[in-house]
Full PDB file with SEQRES, HELIX, SHEET, SSBOND, CRYST1, ORIGX, SCALE, CONECT and MASTER records, all heavy atoms in Angstrom:
SEQRES   1 A   38  SER ALA THR PRO THR THR VAL ALA THR THR GLY PRO GLY          
SEQRES   2 A   38  GLY PRO SER GLY GLY GLY THR SER THR ASN PRO THR THR          
SEQRES   3 A   38  ALA LYS GLY GLY ILE VAL LEU ASN THR VAL SER LEU              
HELIX    1 AA1 PRO A   24  SER A   37  1                                  14    
CRYST1    1.000    1.000    1.000  90.00  90.00  90.00 P 1           1          
ORIGX1      1.000000  0.000000  0.000000        0.00000                         
ORIGX2      0.000000  1.000000  0.000000        0.00000                         
ORIGX3      0.000000  0.000000  1.000000        0.00000                         
SCALE1      1.000000  0.000000  0.000000        0.00000                         
SCALE2      0.000000  1.000000  0.000000        0.00000                         
SCALE3      0.000000  0.000000  1.000000        0.00000                         
ATOM      1  N   SER A   1     -10.317 -12.610  -4.199  1.00  0.00           N  
ATOM      2  CA  SER A   1      -9.971 -13.394  -3.057  1.00  0.00           C  
ATOM      3  C   SER A   1     -10.629 -13.041  -1.736  1.00  0.00           C  
ATOM      4  O   SER A   1     -11.064 -11.817  -1.567  1.00  0.00           O  
ATOM      5  CB  SER A   1      -8.443 -13.286  -2.896  1.00  0.00           C  
ATOM      6  OG  SER A   1      -8.180 -11.950  -2.598  1.00  0.00           O  
ATOM      7  N   ALA A   2     -10.846 -14.060  -0.848  1.00  0.00           N  
ATOM      8  CA  ALA A   2     -11.432 -13.746   0.516  1.00  0.00           C  
ATOM      9  C   ALA A   2     -10.631 -12.834   1.302  1.00  0.00           C  
ATOM     10  O   ALA A   2      -9.453 -13.010   1.379  1.00  0.00           O  
ATOM     11  CB  ALA A   2     -11.780 -15.091   1.155  1.00  0.00           C  
ATOM     12  N   THR A   3     -11.276 -11.943   1.989  1.00  0.00           N  
ATOM     13  CA  THR A   3     -10.496 -10.987   2.916  1.00  0.00           C  
ATOM     14  C   THR A   3     -10.504 -11.577   4.326  1.00  0.00           C  
ATOM     15  O   THR A   3     -11.438 -11.933   4.861  1.00  0.00           O  
ATOM     16  CB  THR A   3     -11.247  -9.641   2.973  1.00  0.00           C  
ATOM     17  OG1 THR A   3     -11.389  -9.087   1.596  1.00  0.00           O  
ATOM     18  CG2 THR A   3     -10.420  -8.649   3.818  1.00  0.00           C  
ATOM     19  N   PRO A   4      -9.260 -11.850   4.809  1.00  0.00           N  
ATOM     20  CA  PRO A   4      -9.144 -12.424   6.220  1.00  0.00           C  
ATOM     21  C   PRO A   4      -9.717 -11.459   7.247  1.00  0.00           C  
ATOM     22  O   PRO A   4      -9.716 -10.284   7.198  1.00  0.00           O  
ATOM     23  CB  PRO A   4      -7.678 -12.660   6.401  1.00  0.00           C  
ATOM     24  CG  PRO A   4      -6.967 -11.614   5.524  1.00  0.00           C  
ATOM     25  CD  PRO A   4      -7.954 -11.516   4.382  1.00  0.00           C  
ATOM     26  N   THR A   5     -10.272 -12.182   8.392  1.00  0.00           N  
ATOM     27  CA  THR A   5     -10.893 -11.403   9.425  1.00  0.00           C  
ATOM     28  C   THR A   5      -9.804 -10.763  10.366  1.00  0.00           C  
ATOM     29  O   THR A   5      -8.858 -11.453  10.696  1.00  0.00           O  
ATOM     30  CB  THR A   5     -11.744 -12.277  10.249  1.00  0.00           C  
ATOM     31  OG1 THR A   5     -12.736 -12.826   9.410  1.00  0.00           O  
ATOM     32  CG2 THR A   5     -12.445 -11.495  11.430  1.00  0.00           C  
ATOM     33  N   THR A   6      -9.859  -9.540  10.662  1.00  0.00           N  
ATOM     34  CA  THR A   6      -8.868  -8.774  11.483  1.00  0.00           C  
ATOM     35  C   THR A   6      -9.177  -9.065  12.996  1.00  0.00           C  
ATOM     36  O   THR A   6     -10.282  -8.839  13.417  1.00  0.00           O  
ATOM     37  CB  THR A   6      -8.838  -7.388  11.145  1.00  0.00           C  
ATOM     38  OG1 THR A   6      -8.557  -7.133   9.797  1.00  0.00           O  
ATOM     39  CG2 THR A   6      -7.789  -6.654  12.024  1.00  0.00           C  
ATOM     40  N   VAL A   7      -8.224  -9.600  13.723  1.00  0.00           N  
ATOM     41  CA  VAL A   7      -8.332  -9.973  15.151  1.00  0.00           C  
ATOM     42  C   VAL A   7      -7.383  -9.099  15.951  1.00  0.00           C  
ATOM     43  O   VAL A   7      -6.103  -9.219  15.614  1.00  0.00           O  
ATOM     44  CB  VAL A   7      -8.164 -11.481  15.419  1.00  0.00           C  
ATOM     45  CG1 VAL A   7      -8.298 -11.780  16.886  1.00  0.00           C  
ATOM     46  CG2 VAL A   7      -9.144 -12.221  14.710  1.00  0.00           C  
ATOM     47  N   ALA A   8      -7.834  -8.299  16.744  1.00  0.00           N  
ATOM     48  CA  ALA A   8      -6.875  -7.417  17.664  1.00  0.00           C  
ATOM     49  C   ALA A   8      -6.204  -8.304  18.719  1.00  0.00           C  
ATOM     50  O   ALA A   8      -6.906  -9.117  19.300  1.00  0.00           O  
ATOM     51  CB  ALA A   8      -7.621  -6.309  18.316  1.00  0.00           C  
ATOM     52  N   THR A   9      -4.893  -8.079  18.861  1.00  0.00           N  
ATOM     53  CA  THR A   9      -4.155  -8.770  19.929  1.00  0.00           C  
ATOM     54  C   THR A   9      -3.392  -7.748  20.682  1.00  0.00           C  
ATOM     55  O   THR A   9      -3.023  -6.569  20.286  1.00  0.00           O  
ATOM     56  CB  THR A   9      -3.125  -9.815  19.318  1.00  0.00           C  
ATOM     57  OG1 THR A   9      -2.226  -9.068  18.388  1.00  0.00           O  
ATOM     58  CG2 THR A   9      -3.979 -10.768  18.426  1.00  0.00           C  
ATOM     59  N   THR A  10      -2.872  -8.111  21.905  1.00  0.00           N  
ATOM     60  CA  THR A  10      -2.187  -7.227  22.787  1.00  0.00           C  
ATOM     61  C   THR A  10      -0.696  -7.560  22.506  1.00  0.00           C  
ATOM     62  O   THR A  10      -0.395  -8.502  21.930  1.00  0.00           O  
ATOM     63  CB  THR A  10      -2.573  -7.558  24.261  1.00  0.00           C  
ATOM     64  OG1 THR A  10      -2.336  -8.894  24.495  1.00  0.00           O  
ATOM     65  CG2 THR A  10      -3.966  -7.098  24.511  1.00  0.00           C  
ATOM     66  N   GLY A  11       0.097  -6.669  23.075  1.00  0.00           N  
ATOM     67  CA  GLY A  11       1.486  -6.860  22.864  1.00  0.00           C  
ATOM     68  C   GLY A  11       2.086  -5.900  21.716  1.00  0.00           C  
ATOM     69  O   GLY A  11       1.365  -4.917  21.311  1.00  0.00           O  
ATOM     70  N   PRO A  12       3.270  -6.116  21.356  1.00  0.00           N  
ATOM     71  CA  PRO A  12       3.887  -5.151  20.347  1.00  0.00           C  
ATOM     72  C   PRO A  12       3.082  -5.088  19.101  1.00  0.00           C  
ATOM     73  O   PRO A  12       3.082  -4.070  18.383  1.00  0.00           O  
ATOM     74  CB  PRO A  12       5.259  -5.887  20.150  1.00  0.00           C  
ATOM     75  CG  PRO A  12       5.543  -6.718  21.275  1.00  0.00           C  
ATOM     76  CD  PRO A  12       4.145  -7.152  21.759  1.00  0.00           C  
ATOM     77  N   GLY A  13       2.425  -6.189  18.630  1.00  0.00           N  
ATOM     78  CA  GLY A  13       1.495  -6.175  17.460  1.00  0.00           C  
ATOM     79  C   GLY A  13       0.159  -5.755  17.594  1.00  0.00           C  
ATOM     80  O   GLY A  13      -0.625  -5.750  16.698  1.00  0.00           O  
ATOM     81  N   GLY A  14      -0.282  -5.578  18.906  1.00  0.00           N  
ATOM     82  CA  GLY A  14      -1.680  -5.403  19.218  1.00  0.00           C  
ATOM     83  C   GLY A  14      -1.991  -3.977  19.227  1.00  0.00           C  
ATOM     84  O   GLY A  14      -1.266  -3.005  18.747  1.00  0.00           O  
ATOM     85  N   PRO A  15      -3.086  -3.516  19.942  1.00  0.00           N  
ATOM     86  CA  PRO A  15      -3.557  -2.148  20.014  1.00  0.00           C  
ATOM     87  C   PRO A  15      -2.524  -1.229  20.758  1.00  0.00           C  
ATOM     88  O   PRO A  15      -2.290  -0.123  20.385  1.00  0.00           O  
ATOM     89  CB  PRO A  15      -4.795  -2.207  20.926  1.00  0.00           C  
ATOM     90  CG  PRO A  15      -5.373  -3.504  20.551  1.00  0.00           C  
ATOM     91  CD  PRO A  15      -4.137  -4.494  20.499  1.00  0.00           C  
ATOM     92  N   SER A  16      -1.857  -1.840  21.791  1.00  0.00           N  
ATOM     93  CA  SER A  16      -0.887  -0.968  22.449  1.00  0.00           C  
ATOM     94  C   SER A  16       0.316  -0.786  21.652  1.00  0.00           C  
ATOM     95  O   SER A  16       1.040   0.311  21.844  1.00  0.00           O  
ATOM     96  CB  SER A  16      -0.486  -1.673  23.854  1.00  0.00           C  
ATOM     97  OG  SER A  16       0.068  -2.969  23.584  1.00  0.00           O  
ATOM     98  N   GLY A  17       0.653  -1.651  20.731  1.00  0.00           N  
ATOM     99  CA  GLY A  17       1.861  -1.419  19.879  1.00  0.00           C  
ATOM    100  C   GLY A  17       1.500  -0.936  18.506  1.00  0.00           C  
ATOM    101  O   GLY A  17       2.449  -0.792  17.668  1.00  0.00           O  
ATOM    102  N   GLY A  18       0.203  -0.586  18.219  1.00  0.00           N  
ATOM    103  CA  GLY A  18      -0.180   0.057  16.981  1.00  0.00           C  
ATOM    104  C   GLY A  18      -0.214  -0.941  15.881  1.00  0.00           C  
ATOM    105  O   GLY A  18      -0.219  -0.659  14.581  1.00  0.00           O  
ATOM    106  N   GLY A  19      -0.554  -2.291  16.102  1.00  0.00           N  
ATOM    107  CA  GLY A  19      -0.616  -3.218  15.118  1.00  0.00           C  
ATOM    108  C   GLY A  19      -1.769  -4.306  15.259  1.00  0.00           C  
ATOM    109  O   GLY A  19      -2.415  -4.239  16.445  1.00  0.00           O  
ATOM    110  N   THR A  20      -2.200  -5.024  14.343  1.00  0.00           N  
ATOM    111  CA  THR A  20      -3.220  -5.943  14.321  1.00  0.00           C  
ATOM    112  C   THR A  20      -2.750  -7.214  13.781  1.00  0.00           C  
ATOM    113  O   THR A  20      -1.882  -7.295  12.922  1.00  0.00           O  
ATOM    114  CB  THR A  20      -4.556  -5.452  13.699  1.00  0.00           C  
ATOM    115  OG1 THR A  20      -4.116  -5.137  12.293  1.00  0.00           O  
ATOM    116  CG2 THR A  20      -5.049  -4.211  14.349  1.00  0.00           C  
ATOM    117  N   SER A  21      -3.346  -8.334  14.134  1.00  0.00           N  
ATOM    118  CA  SER A  21      -3.155  -9.593  13.594  1.00  0.00           C  
ATOM    119  C   SER A  21      -4.270  -9.954  12.546  1.00  0.00           C  
ATOM    120  O   SER A  21      -5.372  -9.766  12.757  1.00  0.00           O  
ATOM    121  CB  SER A  21      -3.127 -10.706  14.642  1.00  0.00           C  
ATOM    122  OG  SER A  21      -3.029 -11.994  14.080  1.00  0.00           O  
ATOM    123  N   THR A  22      -3.905 -10.465  11.421  1.00  0.00           N  
ATOM    124  CA  THR A  22      -4.849 -10.863  10.330  1.00  0.00           C  
ATOM    125  C   THR A  22      -4.975 -12.220  10.069  1.00  0.00           C  
ATOM    126  O   THR A  22      -5.256 -12.680   8.903  1.00  0.00           O  
ATOM    127  CB  THR A  22      -4.375  -9.995   9.010  1.00  0.00           C  
ATOM    128  OG1 THR A  22      -3.099 -10.471   8.679  1.00  0.00           O  
ATOM    129  CG2 THR A  22      -4.472  -8.537   9.255  1.00  0.00           C  
ATOM    130  N   ASN A  23      -4.588 -13.116  11.088  1.00  0.00           N  
ATOM    131  CA  ASN A  23      -4.608 -14.552  10.880  1.00  0.00           C  
ATOM    132  C   ASN A  23      -5.662 -15.044  11.837  1.00  0.00           C  
ATOM    133  O   ASN A  23      -5.335 -15.322  13.062  1.00  0.00           O  
ATOM    134  CB  ASN A  23      -3.236 -15.148  11.157  1.00  0.00           C  
ATOM    135  CG  ASN A  23      -3.208 -16.595  10.725  1.00  0.00           C  
ATOM    136  OD1 ASN A  23      -4.267 -17.313  10.628  1.00  0.00           O  
ATOM    137  ND2 ASN A  23      -2.028 -17.169  10.438  1.00  0.00           N  
ATOM    138  N   PRO A  24      -6.890 -15.312  11.375  1.00  0.00           N  
ATOM    139  CA  PRO A  24      -7.938 -15.878  12.217  1.00  0.00           C  
ATOM    140  C   PRO A  24      -7.711 -17.238  12.841  1.00  0.00           C  
ATOM    141  O   PRO A  24      -8.054 -17.487  13.842  1.00  0.00           O  
ATOM    142  CB  PRO A  24      -9.164 -15.843  11.407  1.00  0.00           C  
ATOM    143  CG  PRO A  24      -8.712 -15.915   9.866  1.00  0.00           C  
ATOM    144  CD  PRO A  24      -7.366 -15.197   9.927  1.00  0.00           C  
ATOM    145  N   THR A  25      -7.005 -18.111  12.056  1.00  0.00           N  
ATOM    146  CA  THR A  25      -6.701 -19.460  12.523  1.00  0.00           C  
ATOM    147  C   THR A  25      -5.683 -19.437  13.774  1.00  0.00           C  
ATOM    148  O   THR A  25      -5.968 -20.080  14.738  1.00  0.00           O  
ATOM    149  CB  THR A  25      -6.170 -20.217  11.304  1.00  0.00           C  
ATOM    150  OG1 THR A  25      -7.008 -20.327  10.243  1.00  0.00           O  
ATOM    151  CG2 THR A  25      -5.954 -21.643  11.837  1.00  0.00           C  
ATOM    152  N   THR A  26      -4.707 -18.570  13.708  1.00  0.00           N  
ATOM    153  CA  THR A  26      -3.767 -18.533  14.745  1.00  0.00           C  
ATOM    154  C   THR A  26      -4.430 -17.892  15.948  1.00  0.00           C  
ATOM    155  O   THR A  26      -4.222 -18.327  17.067  1.00  0.00           O  
ATOM    156  CB  THR A  26      -2.586 -17.614  14.287  1.00  0.00           C  
ATOM    157  OG1 THR A  26      -2.087 -18.142  13.113  1.00  0.00           O  
ATOM    158  CG2 THR A  26      -1.534 -17.525  15.370  1.00  0.00           C  
ATOM    159  N   ALA A  27      -5.302 -16.940  15.742  1.00  0.00           N  
ATOM    160  CA  ALA A  27      -5.996 -16.302  16.984  1.00  0.00           C  
ATOM    161  C   ALA A  27      -6.903 -17.261  17.648  1.00  0.00           C  
ATOM    162  O   ALA A  27      -6.951 -17.365  18.872  1.00  0.00           O  
ATOM    163  CB  ALA A  27      -6.803 -15.092  16.480  1.00  0.00           C  
ATOM    164  N   LYS A  28      -7.744 -17.997  16.827  1.00  0.00           N  
ATOM    165  CA  LYS A  28      -8.573 -19.079  17.417  1.00  0.00           C  
ATOM    166  C   LYS A  28      -7.837 -20.115  18.175  1.00  0.00           C  
ATOM    167  O   LYS A  28      -8.175 -20.558  19.242  1.00  0.00           O  
ATOM    168  CB  LYS A  28      -9.448 -19.615  16.411  1.00  0.00           C  
ATOM    169  CG  LYS A  28     -10.518 -18.645  15.816  1.00  0.00           C  
ATOM    170  CD  LYS A  28     -11.385 -19.383  14.782  1.00  0.00           C  
ATOM    171  CE  LYS A  28     -12.351 -18.326  14.196  1.00  0.00           C  
ATOM    172  NZ  LYS A  28     -13.237 -18.969  13.181  1.00  0.00           N  
ATOM    173  N   GLY A  29      -6.714 -20.501  17.613  1.00  0.00           N  
ATOM    174  CA  GLY A  29      -5.942 -21.561  18.188  1.00  0.00           C  
ATOM    175  C   GLY A  29      -5.322 -21.158  19.472  1.00  0.00           C  
ATOM    176  O   GLY A  29      -5.218 -21.868  20.459  1.00  0.00           O  
ATOM    177  N   GLY A  30      -4.928 -19.736  19.590  1.00  0.00           N  
ATOM    178  CA  GLY A  30      -4.366 -19.300  20.839  1.00  0.00           C  
ATOM    179  C   GLY A  30      -5.309 -19.186  22.012  1.00  0.00           C  
ATOM    180  O   GLY A  30      -5.149 -19.520  23.112  1.00  0.00           O  
ATOM    181  N   ILE A  31      -6.594 -18.817  21.576  1.00  0.00           N  
ATOM    182  CA  ILE A  31      -7.727 -18.758  22.592  1.00  0.00           C  
ATOM    183  C   ILE A  31      -8.008 -20.178  23.035  1.00  0.00           C  
ATOM    184  O   ILE A  31      -8.160 -20.317  24.320  1.00  0.00           O  
ATOM    185  CB  ILE A  31      -8.905 -18.151  21.898  1.00  0.00           C  
ATOM    186  CG1 ILE A  31      -8.692 -16.661  21.534  1.00  0.00           C  
ATOM    187  CG2 ILE A  31     -10.120 -18.305  22.855  1.00  0.00           C  
ATOM    188  CD1 ILE A  31      -9.888 -15.925  20.833  1.00  0.00           C  
ATOM    189  N   VAL A  32      -8.165 -21.149  22.277  1.00  0.00           N  
ATOM    190  CA  VAL A  32      -8.406 -22.560  22.721  1.00  0.00           C  
ATOM    191  C   VAL A  32      -7.271 -23.143  23.548  1.00  0.00           C  
ATOM    192  O   VAL A  32      -7.439 -23.608  24.613  1.00  0.00           O  
ATOM    193  CB  VAL A  32      -8.552 -23.478  21.482  1.00  0.00           C  
ATOM    194  CG1 VAL A  32      -8.718 -24.917  21.926  1.00  0.00           C  
ATOM    195  CG2 VAL A  32      -9.782 -23.075  20.647  1.00  0.00           C  
ATOM    196  N   LEU A  33      -6.016 -22.745  23.177  1.00  0.00           N  
ATOM    197  CA  LEU A  33      -4.946 -23.215  24.043  1.00  0.00           C  
ATOM    198  C   LEU A  33      -4.925 -22.604  25.457  1.00  0.00           C  
ATOM    199  O   LEU A  33      -4.629 -23.296  26.460  1.00  0.00           O  
ATOM    200  CB  LEU A  33      -3.568 -22.925  23.322  1.00  0.00           C  
ATOM    201  CG  LEU A  33      -2.272 -23.453  24.007  1.00  0.00           C  
ATOM    202  CD1 LEU A  33      -2.441 -24.893  24.208  1.00  0.00           C  
ATOM    203  CD2 LEU A  33      -1.088 -22.983  23.269  1.00  0.00           C  
ATOM    204  N   ASN A  34      -5.201 -21.273  25.428  1.00  0.00           N  
ATOM    205  CA  ASN A  34      -5.241 -20.662  26.652  1.00  0.00           C  
ATOM    206  C   ASN A  34      -6.334 -21.182  27.548  1.00  0.00           C  
ATOM    207  O   ASN A  34      -6.210 -21.345  28.864  1.00  0.00           O  
ATOM    208  CB  ASN A  34      -5.439 -19.162  26.538  1.00  0.00           C  
ATOM    209  CG  ASN A  34      -4.272 -18.488  25.925  1.00  0.00           C  
ATOM    210  OD1 ASN A  34      -3.064 -19.064  26.024  1.00  0.00           O  
ATOM    211  ND2 ASN A  34      -4.356 -17.346  25.166  1.00  0.00           N  
ATOM    212  N   THR A  35      -7.524 -21.480  27.076  1.00  0.00           N  
ATOM    213  CA  THR A  35      -8.622 -21.993  27.844  1.00  0.00           C  
ATOM    214  C   THR A  35      -8.298 -23.432  28.376  1.00  0.00           C  
ATOM    215  O   THR A  35      -8.537 -23.671  29.612  1.00  0.00           O  
ATOM    216  CB  THR A  35      -9.853 -22.181  26.917  1.00  0.00           C  
ATOM    217  OG1 THR A  35     -10.154 -20.892  26.368  1.00  0.00           O  
ATOM    218  CG2 THR A  35     -11.058 -22.644  27.688  1.00  0.00           C  
ATOM    219  N   VAL A  36      -7.704 -24.178  27.632  1.00  0.00           N  
ATOM    220  CA  VAL A  36      -7.356 -25.651  28.068  1.00  0.00           C  
ATOM    221  C   VAL A  36      -6.294 -25.509  29.170  1.00  0.00           C  
ATOM    222  O   VAL A  36      -6.366 -26.235  30.168  1.00  0.00           O  
ATOM    223  CB  VAL A  36      -6.772 -26.476  26.883  1.00  0.00           C  
ATOM    224  CG1 VAL A  36      -6.196 -27.804  27.419  1.00  0.00           C  
ATOM    225  CG2 VAL A  36      -7.933 -26.659  25.865  1.00  0.00           C  
ATOM    226  N   SER A  37      -5.354 -24.620  29.061  1.00  0.00           N  
ATOM    227  CA  SER A  37      -4.396 -24.482  30.129  1.00  0.00           C  
ATOM    228  C   SER A  37      -4.811 -24.006  31.409  1.00  0.00           C  
ATOM    229  O   SER A  37      -4.631 -24.373  32.491  1.00  0.00           O  
ATOM    230  CB  SER A  37      -3.301 -23.387  29.655  1.00  0.00           C  
ATOM    231  OG  SER A  37      -2.639 -23.964  28.467  1.00  0.00           O  
ATOM    232  N   LEU A  38      -5.875 -22.999  31.274  1.00  0.00           N  
ATOM    233  CA  LEU A  38      -6.536 -22.499  32.401  1.00  0.00           C  
ATOM    234  C   LEU A  38      -7.381 -23.625  33.189  1.00  0.00           C  
ATOM    235  O   LEU A  38      -7.326 -23.760  34.494  1.00  0.00           O  
ATOM    236  CB  LEU A  38      -7.472 -21.352  32.101  1.00  0.00           C  
ATOM    237  CG  LEU A  38      -8.243 -20.705  33.295  1.00  0.00           C  
ATOM    238  CD1 LEU A  38      -7.278 -20.113  34.270  1.00  0.00           C  
ATOM    239  CD2 LEU A  38      -9.212 -19.638  32.842  1.00  0.00           C  
TER     240      LEU A  38                                                      
MASTER        0    0    0    1    0    0    0    6  239    1    0    3          
END                                                                             
């Protein structure tokens, strides 16, 4: 099976909280949404 790309995030699940996010689709969607809002 394909190994998902690990994307670091901030917050409780990010580097400061000792965790990482393993959902590339969600990470990309959050980046696009933040850019449009800005």
